[in-house]
Structures are given as structure tokens and as C-alpha cells.
Amino acid sequence: MRRSRITAYVTSLLLAVGLALTGAATAQASGAAAATGYVALGDSYSSGVGAGSYISSSGDCKRSTKAYPYLWAAAHSPSSFDFTACSGARTGDVTANQLGPLSSSTGLVSISIGGNDAGFSDVMTTCVLQSESTCLARIATAKAYVDSTLPGQLDTVYSAISAKAPAAHVVVLGYPRFYKLSGSCVAGLSDTKRAAINGAADYLDSAIAKRAADHGFTFGDVRGTFTGHEICSGDAWLHSLNWLNIGESYHPTASGHSGGYLPVFTGVA
């Protein structure tokens, strides 16, 4: 009799545990299935400036059908796709204008942001048009900003994303190095200037990667895929200075998105 009671007790316990585990697995599966929407946030490196084929309704944001978010969505068919990245965006623009589509059903978020805050455009203009010493001084100022101010701005954006889309896997994409350092192909840019610009890109990427990691986000490093495809490489995936279309200067081409950004994002999404 005693043995029968023990057997019955153990059987009931095992059944209860089994039901609990099954229930937990079902709940996790349901949560994963529910959070399947994809939202693409960020600046011109996410909207696709330089890739062409701009969506007319996106206006000055210049969202491209050849940008990596659009290409990924076309290949993977998420349950929903919201493309709010915008040319010229800074961290404050993301929090003010781009987070609307985020919700508990958002399963994936991508973002590139921080370059405009750090003054990337002004750095490039200064280095192209002015002396080497002025270029290096402007880069030093940008690095100081990355040290002192940008981390807090990134924290604000990343915290807002987590608050609005708590179930989302967030991928933060970095920026490529811009120049191959051997030879001469760009007027006004010495190897010293080019090396300093590349170093500034590395500095920015390191800061962004650290903030992303501290928020539990994944950092997508595109420097490897762009190696061999920098400006002056002979097979560049980045636009050089274009006086006829200044806005596309120093942005990825369509090949830069399909061959540089998309594989990195796909690998960690």
C-alpha cells in the first residue's frame, strides 16, 4: 500500500513537471511567433542614400528598395515591415520621429545611428577642402564628442527601443572604413588624411559597439565585408566625393548594401 502511494505520488509529480515544461515551451513559442515584425530605424546608411531606386513616398528620407533593410525584408517576409530610417537622422530624430511602429509584436529591429551626431559630414568636408592639420584637428574634435556626449545619446535611443519593443532582437549596424590607403586617387586627401578618417570610423564603431553590448543588443560590424571595396580600391562599394550629387558622397552604393551590409545583418538577425 505504501509503495502504491509512493508510486502514485511520483507519477503525479512527473506529470505535473511535464505539463509545466510543456506549458512553458508553448508560451515561449507563442511569444516568439507573436513577435515577428521587423522595423528598420536609423540614418542614411540604413535608409539607402547612395543606392538609388528611392521610394517616392519617402521624400527627403530617401529610403531605397536597394537598401539592406528592404532587401532583407524581401528575402525573409516578416509578418510586418516598417521602414522609418531617414537621411540625415541624428539620435534625437530617431526618438522623435522613427519609433512609432515599435510594439510588443516587433521581433527584429535594425539601426545605424551616431555618425551625424559626431559630425561625419563636416569632418569629410573639412578634410577634403582644407589642410591636413585642419583635418586632423576636426577629427580630434569629433572623437572628443564621441567620448563625452555620444554614449549618452545612444543610451537614450537604445533604452527607448527596448521600452517600446521589449521582445525585439536589436541589431546595431556600424560604419565601414572609407579609404584604401595605398596609392592616390582622391584630390586633396593624403594618406595621412585617409588613415585619420579610417581611424575615426574605427573609433566611432568601437563606441557604438560598446553601448550596444551594454544594452544587450547585437553589433553588426561591416568593416570586414567592405575590406577591398573602399574608396580607391578599384572596386569601391562607397561613393567618393560627387560634386553633382553631394548627398550621395561617402555613402554605400547598391553593391555596398547587397554585398556589404546585407550579409552582416543576415548573419546576426
Protein backbone atom coordinates (compact mmCIF):
# COMPACT_ATOMS: atom_id res chain seq x y z
CA MET A 1 0.00 0.00 0.00
CA ARG A 2 2.77 2.34 0.94
CA ARG A 3 4.65 1.53 -2.27
CA SER A 4 1.49 2.20 -4.31
CA ARG A 5 1.07 5.61 -2.70
CA ILE A 6 4.71 6.50 -3.39
CA THR A 7 4.35 5.34 -6.99
CA ALA A 8 1.19 7.38 -7.43
CA TYR A 9 2.85 10.43 -5.88
CA VAL A 10 5.92 10.18 -8.12
CA THR A 11 3.73 9.66 -11.19
CA SER A 12 1.66 12.74 -10.33
CA LEU A 13 4.80 14.78 -9.71
CA LEU A 14 6.34 13.79 -13.03
CA LEU A 15 3.09 14.56 -14.84
CA ALA A 16 2.91 18.00 -13.21
CA VAL A 17 6.51 18.77 -14.15
CA GLY A 18 5.88 17.60 -17.71
CA LEU A 19 2.81 19.79 -18.04
CA ALA A 20 4.69 22.77 -16.60
CA LEU A 21 7.58 22.35 -19.02
CA THR A 22 5.21 21.85 -21.94
CA GLY A 23 3.31 24.95 -20.93
CA ALA A 24 6.48 27.00 -20.62
CA ALA A 25 7.72 25.83 -24.00
CA THR A 26 4.37 26.61 -25.57
CA ALA A 27 4.36 30.05 -24.01
CA GLN A 28 7.88 30.75 -25.27
CA ALA A 29 6.98 29.50 -28.74
CA SER A 30 3.84 31.63 -28.77
CA GLY A 31 5.82 34.68 -27.70
CA ALA A 32 8.43 34.07 -30.39
CA ALA A 33 5.75 33.53 -33.01
CA ALA A 34 3.93 36.70 -31.98
CA ALA A 35 7.00 38.92 -32.12
CA THR A 36 7.85 38.64 -35.80
CA GLY A 37 7.56 42.17 -37.18
CA TYR A 38 10.66 43.97 -38.44
CA VAL A 39 11.33 47.70 -38.01
CA ALA A 40 14.30 49.40 -39.71
CA LEU A 41 15.47 52.57 -37.97
CA GLY A 42 18.40 54.90 -38.41
CA ASP A 43 20.22 57.32 -40.67
CA SER A 44 21.18 57.44 -44.35
CA TYR A 45 23.30 54.29 -44.08
CA SER A 46 20.09 52.40 -43.30
CA SER A 47 17.70 54.35 -45.50
CA GLY A 48 19.88 53.66 -48.52
CA VAL A 49 21.16 57.05 -49.64
CA GLY A 50 23.58 56.33 -52.47
CA ALA A 51 21.89 53.08 -53.52
CA GLY A 52 19.35 54.68 -55.86
CA SER A 53 15.85 53.35 -56.51
CA TYR A 54 14.33 55.62 -53.86
CA ILE A 55 10.76 55.10 -52.72
CA SER A 56 8.87 58.19 -53.85
CA SER A 57 6.72 58.38 -50.74
CA SER A 58 9.84 58.58 -48.54
CA GLY A 59 10.67 62.08 -49.80
CA ASP A 60 13.88 63.57 -48.41
CA CYS A 61 14.43 60.48 -46.23
CA LYS A 62 15.49 58.70 -49.45
CA ARG A 63 14.56 55.17 -48.49
CA SER A 64 15.79 52.79 -51.15
CA THR A 65 14.48 49.45 -52.37
CA LYS A 66 18.17 48.50 -52.66
CA ALA A 67 18.96 49.29 -49.01
CA TYR A 68 19.79 46.34 -46.77
CA PRO A 69 16.56 46.56 -44.69
CA TYR A 70 14.39 46.39 -47.80
CA LEU A 71 16.47 43.56 -49.28
CA TRP A 72 16.29 41.56 -46.04
CA ALA A 73 12.53 42.02 -45.74
CA ALA A 74 12.02 40.96 -49.36
CA ALA A 75 14.04 37.79 -48.76
CA HIS A 76 12.56 36.81 -45.37
CA SER A 77 8.94 38.04 -45.49
CA PRO A 78 8.48 39.18 -41.87
CA SER A 79 4.88 39.45 -40.68
CA SER A 80 5.24 43.24 -40.97
CA PHE A 81 7.94 45.60 -42.21
CA ASP A 82 8.20 49.24 -41.21
CA PHE A 83 10.99 51.27 -42.81
CA THR A 84 11.44 54.55 -40.94
CA ALA A 85 15.19 55.18 -41.36
CA CYS A 86 15.83 58.64 -42.76
CA SER A 87 18.65 60.51 -44.42
CA GLY A 88 20.38 62.95 -42.10
CA ALA A 89 18.90 61.45 -38.94
CA ARG A 90 20.56 62.00 -35.60
CA THR A 91 19.81 60.22 -32.35
CA GLY A 92 17.15 62.79 -31.41
CA ASP A 93 15.41 62.32 -34.75
CA VAL A 94 15.11 58.60 -34.14
CA THR A 95 13.44 59.04 -30.77
CA ALA A 96 11.20 61.84 -32.04
CA ASN A 97 10.15 60.50 -35.42
CA GLN A 98 11.00 56.86 -36.05
CA LEU A 99 9.83 54.72 -33.12
CA GLY A 100 6.10 54.77 -33.84
CA PRO A 101 5.91 51.28 -35.40
CA LEU A 102 7.66 49.59 -32.46
CA SER A 103 5.47 47.40 -30.25
CA SER A 104 5.38 44.15 -28.31
CA SER A 105 4.93 42.33 -31.64
CA THR A 106 8.20 43.67 -33.02
CA GLY A 107 10.63 40.78 -33.23
CA LEU A 108 13.53 42.43 -35.05
CA VAL A 109 14.96 45.95 -35.14
CA SER A 110 17.91 47.27 -37.12
CA ILE A 111 19.55 50.66 -36.67
CA SER A 112 22.60 52.65 -37.72
CA ILE A 113 22.94 55.95 -35.90
CA GLY A 114 25.59 58.22 -34.43
CA GLY A 115 27.56 59.33 -37.46
CA ASN A 116 25.61 62.53 -37.94
CA ASP A 117 25.73 63.33 -34.23
CA ALA A 118 29.51 63.02 -34.35
CA GLY A 119 29.71 65.42 -37.31
CA PHE A 120 30.69 62.97 -40.02
CA SER A 121 29.61 65.23 -42.88
CA ASP A 122 31.57 68.20 -41.56
CA VAL A 123 34.63 66.01 -40.97
CA MET A 124 34.62 64.88 -44.60
CA THR A 125 34.08 68.40 -45.93
CA THR A 126 36.89 69.76 -43.77
CA CYS A 127 39.32 67.01 -44.76
CA VAL A 128 38.59 67.34 -48.48
CA LEU A 129 38.74 71.12 -48.68
CA GLN A 130 41.22 72.16 -46.02
CA SER A 131 44.74 71.44 -44.84
CA GLU A 132 46.00 68.27 -43.25
CA SER A 133 46.39 69.92 -39.86
CA THR A 134 42.85 71.32 -40.01
CA CYS A 135 41.52 67.91 -41.00
CA LEU A 136 43.27 66.22 -38.08
CA ALA A 137 42.05 68.87 -35.67
CA ARG A 138 38.44 68.40 -36.84
CA ILE A 139 38.75 64.64 -36.38
CA ALA A 140 40.09 65.17 -32.87
CA THR A 141 37.04 67.29 -32.08
CA ALA A 142 34.75 64.56 -33.40
CA LYS A 143 36.49 61.94 -31.27
CA ALA A 144 36.10 64.12 -28.20
CA TYR A 145 32.37 64.30 -28.92
CA VAL A 146 32.23 60.52 -29.27
CA ASP A 147 33.86 60.23 -25.84
CA SER A 148 31.87 62.85 -23.98
CA THR A 149 28.40 63.12 -25.50
CA LEU A 150 27.52 60.35 -27.94
CA PRO A 151 27.32 57.49 -25.40
CA GLY A 152 24.51 59.22 -23.51
CA GLN A 153 22.65 59.95 -26.74
CA LEU A 154 22.93 56.33 -27.83
CA ASP A 155 21.74 55.18 -24.40
CA THR A 156 18.61 57.29 -24.80
CA VAL A 157 17.81 55.79 -28.19
CA TYR A 158 18.58 52.22 -27.19
CA SER A 159 16.55 52.48 -23.97
CA ALA A 160 13.59 53.87 -25.92
CA ILE A 161 13.75 50.96 -28.36
CA SER A 162 13.79 48.42 -25.52
CA ALA A 163 10.89 50.13 -23.77
CA LYS A 164 8.68 50.12 -26.87
CA ALA A 165 9.75 46.72 -28.26
CA PRO A 166 10.75 44.57 -25.26
CA ALA A 167 10.68 41.29 -27.21
CA ALA A 168 12.77 42.53 -30.12
CA HIS A 169 16.20 41.32 -31.17
CA VAL A 170 18.02 44.58 -31.88
CA VAL A 171 20.90 44.74 -34.36
CA VAL A 172 23.05 47.87 -34.36
CA LEU A 173 24.97 48.28 -37.62
CA GLY A 174 28.27 50.12 -37.69
CA TYR A 175 30.04 52.12 -40.38
CA PRO A 176 32.71 50.99 -42.87
CA ARG A 177 36.23 52.31 -43.24
CA PHE A 178 36.24 54.67 -46.19
CA TYR A 179 39.62 54.54 -47.88
CA LYS A 180 42.23 52.18 -49.19
CA LEU A 181 45.48 53.70 -48.01
CA SER A 182 47.91 52.92 -50.81
CA GLY A 183 48.17 54.96 -53.97
CA SER A 184 46.50 58.24 -54.83
CA CYS A 185 43.01 58.57 -56.25
CA VAL A 186 41.34 61.39 -54.35
CA ALA A 187 42.41 65.00 -54.84
CA GLY A 188 43.20 66.75 -51.56
CA LEU A 189 43.35 63.59 -49.47
CA SER A 190 46.81 62.43 -48.46
CA ASP A 191 47.44 59.02 -46.94
CA THR A 192 47.64 60.80 -43.59
CA LYS A 193 44.15 62.23 -44.03
CA ARG A 194 42.75 58.94 -45.26
CA ALA A 195 44.29 57.00 -42.37
CA ALA A 196 42.88 59.53 -39.90
CA ILE A 197 39.39 59.26 -41.41
CA ASN A 198 39.55 55.47 -41.24
CA GLY A 199 40.75 55.71 -37.66
CA ALA A 200 37.81 57.96 -36.83
CA ALA A 201 35.41 55.38 -38.30
CA ASP A 202 37.00 52.71 -36.10
CA TYR A 203 36.73 54.98 -33.07
CA LEU A 204 33.04 55.60 -33.72
CA ASP A 205 32.34 51.91 -34.31
CA SER A 206 34.04 50.97 -31.05
CA ALA A 207 31.93 53.43 -29.09
CA ILE A 208 28.71 52.26 -30.75
CA ALA A 209 29.58 48.59 -30.24
CA LYS A 210 30.17 49.13 -26.53
CA ARG A 211 26.87 50.91 -25.98
CA ALA A 212 25.04 48.25 -27.99
CA ALA A 213 26.59 45.46 -25.91
CA ASP A 214 25.71 47.21 -22.66
CA HIS A 215 22.07 47.22 -23.75
CA GLY A 216 22.13 43.57 -24.76
CA PHE A 217 21.98 44.42 -28.46
CA THR A 218 23.96 42.78 -31.27
CA PHE A 219 26.57 44.82 -33.11
CA GLY A 220 26.91 44.21 -36.85
CA ASP A 221 30.46 45.08 -37.91
CA VAL A 222 30.59 45.81 -41.66
CA ARG A 223 34.28 46.72 -41.85
CA GLY A 224 35.22 43.19 -42.84
CA THR A 225 32.79 42.92 -45.74
CA PHE A 226 33.85 46.32 -47.07
CA THR A 227 37.56 45.43 -46.97
CA GLY A 228 38.80 45.53 -50.56
CA HIS A 229 35.87 47.71 -51.56
CA GLU A 230 36.89 51.03 -50.01
CA ILE A 231 37.23 54.23 -51.99
CA CYS A 232 40.46 54.00 -54.05
CA SER A 233 40.27 50.18 -54.12
CA GLY A 234 39.30 49.89 -57.78
CA ASP A 235 36.07 48.13 -56.81
CA ALA A 236 34.54 50.63 -54.43
CA TRP A 237 31.23 49.99 -52.71
CA LEU A 238 31.23 53.58 -51.44
CA HIS A 239 30.67 56.77 -53.38
CA SER A 240 33.62 59.13 -53.44
CA LEU A 241 33.08 62.89 -53.41
CA ASN A 242 30.46 63.70 -56.04
CA TRP A 243 30.06 67.41 -56.69
CA LEU A 244 26.99 66.74 -58.83
CA ASN A 245 25.26 64.85 -56.02
CA ILE A 246 26.85 65.86 -52.74
CA GLY A 247 24.26 63.99 -50.69
CA GLU A 248 25.38 60.60 -52.04
CA SER A 249 29.07 61.25 -51.37
CA TYR A 250 30.67 58.78 -48.94
CA HIS A 251 27.60 56.55 -48.81
CA PRO A 252 27.33 52.88 -49.80
CA THR A 253 26.35 52.06 -53.36
CA ALA A 254 23.72 49.42 -54.12
CA SER A 255 26.56 46.87 -54.08
CA GLY A 256 27.62 48.19 -50.69
CA HIS A 257 24.18 47.34 -49.35
CA SER A 258 23.80 43.94 -51.03
CA GLY A 259 27.41 42.85 -50.58
CA GLY A 260 28.49 44.81 -47.51
CA TYR A 261 25.58 45.43 -45.15
CA LEU A 262 23.11 42.69 -46.05
CA PRO A 263 25.36 39.68 -45.34
CA VAL A 264 26.34 41.08 -41.95
CA PHE A 265 22.76 41.83 -40.97
CA THR A 266 21.52 38.45 -42.24
CA GLY A 267 24.21 36.69 -40.26
CA VAL A 268 23.10 38.15 -36.93
CA ALA A 269 19.39 38.90 -37.46
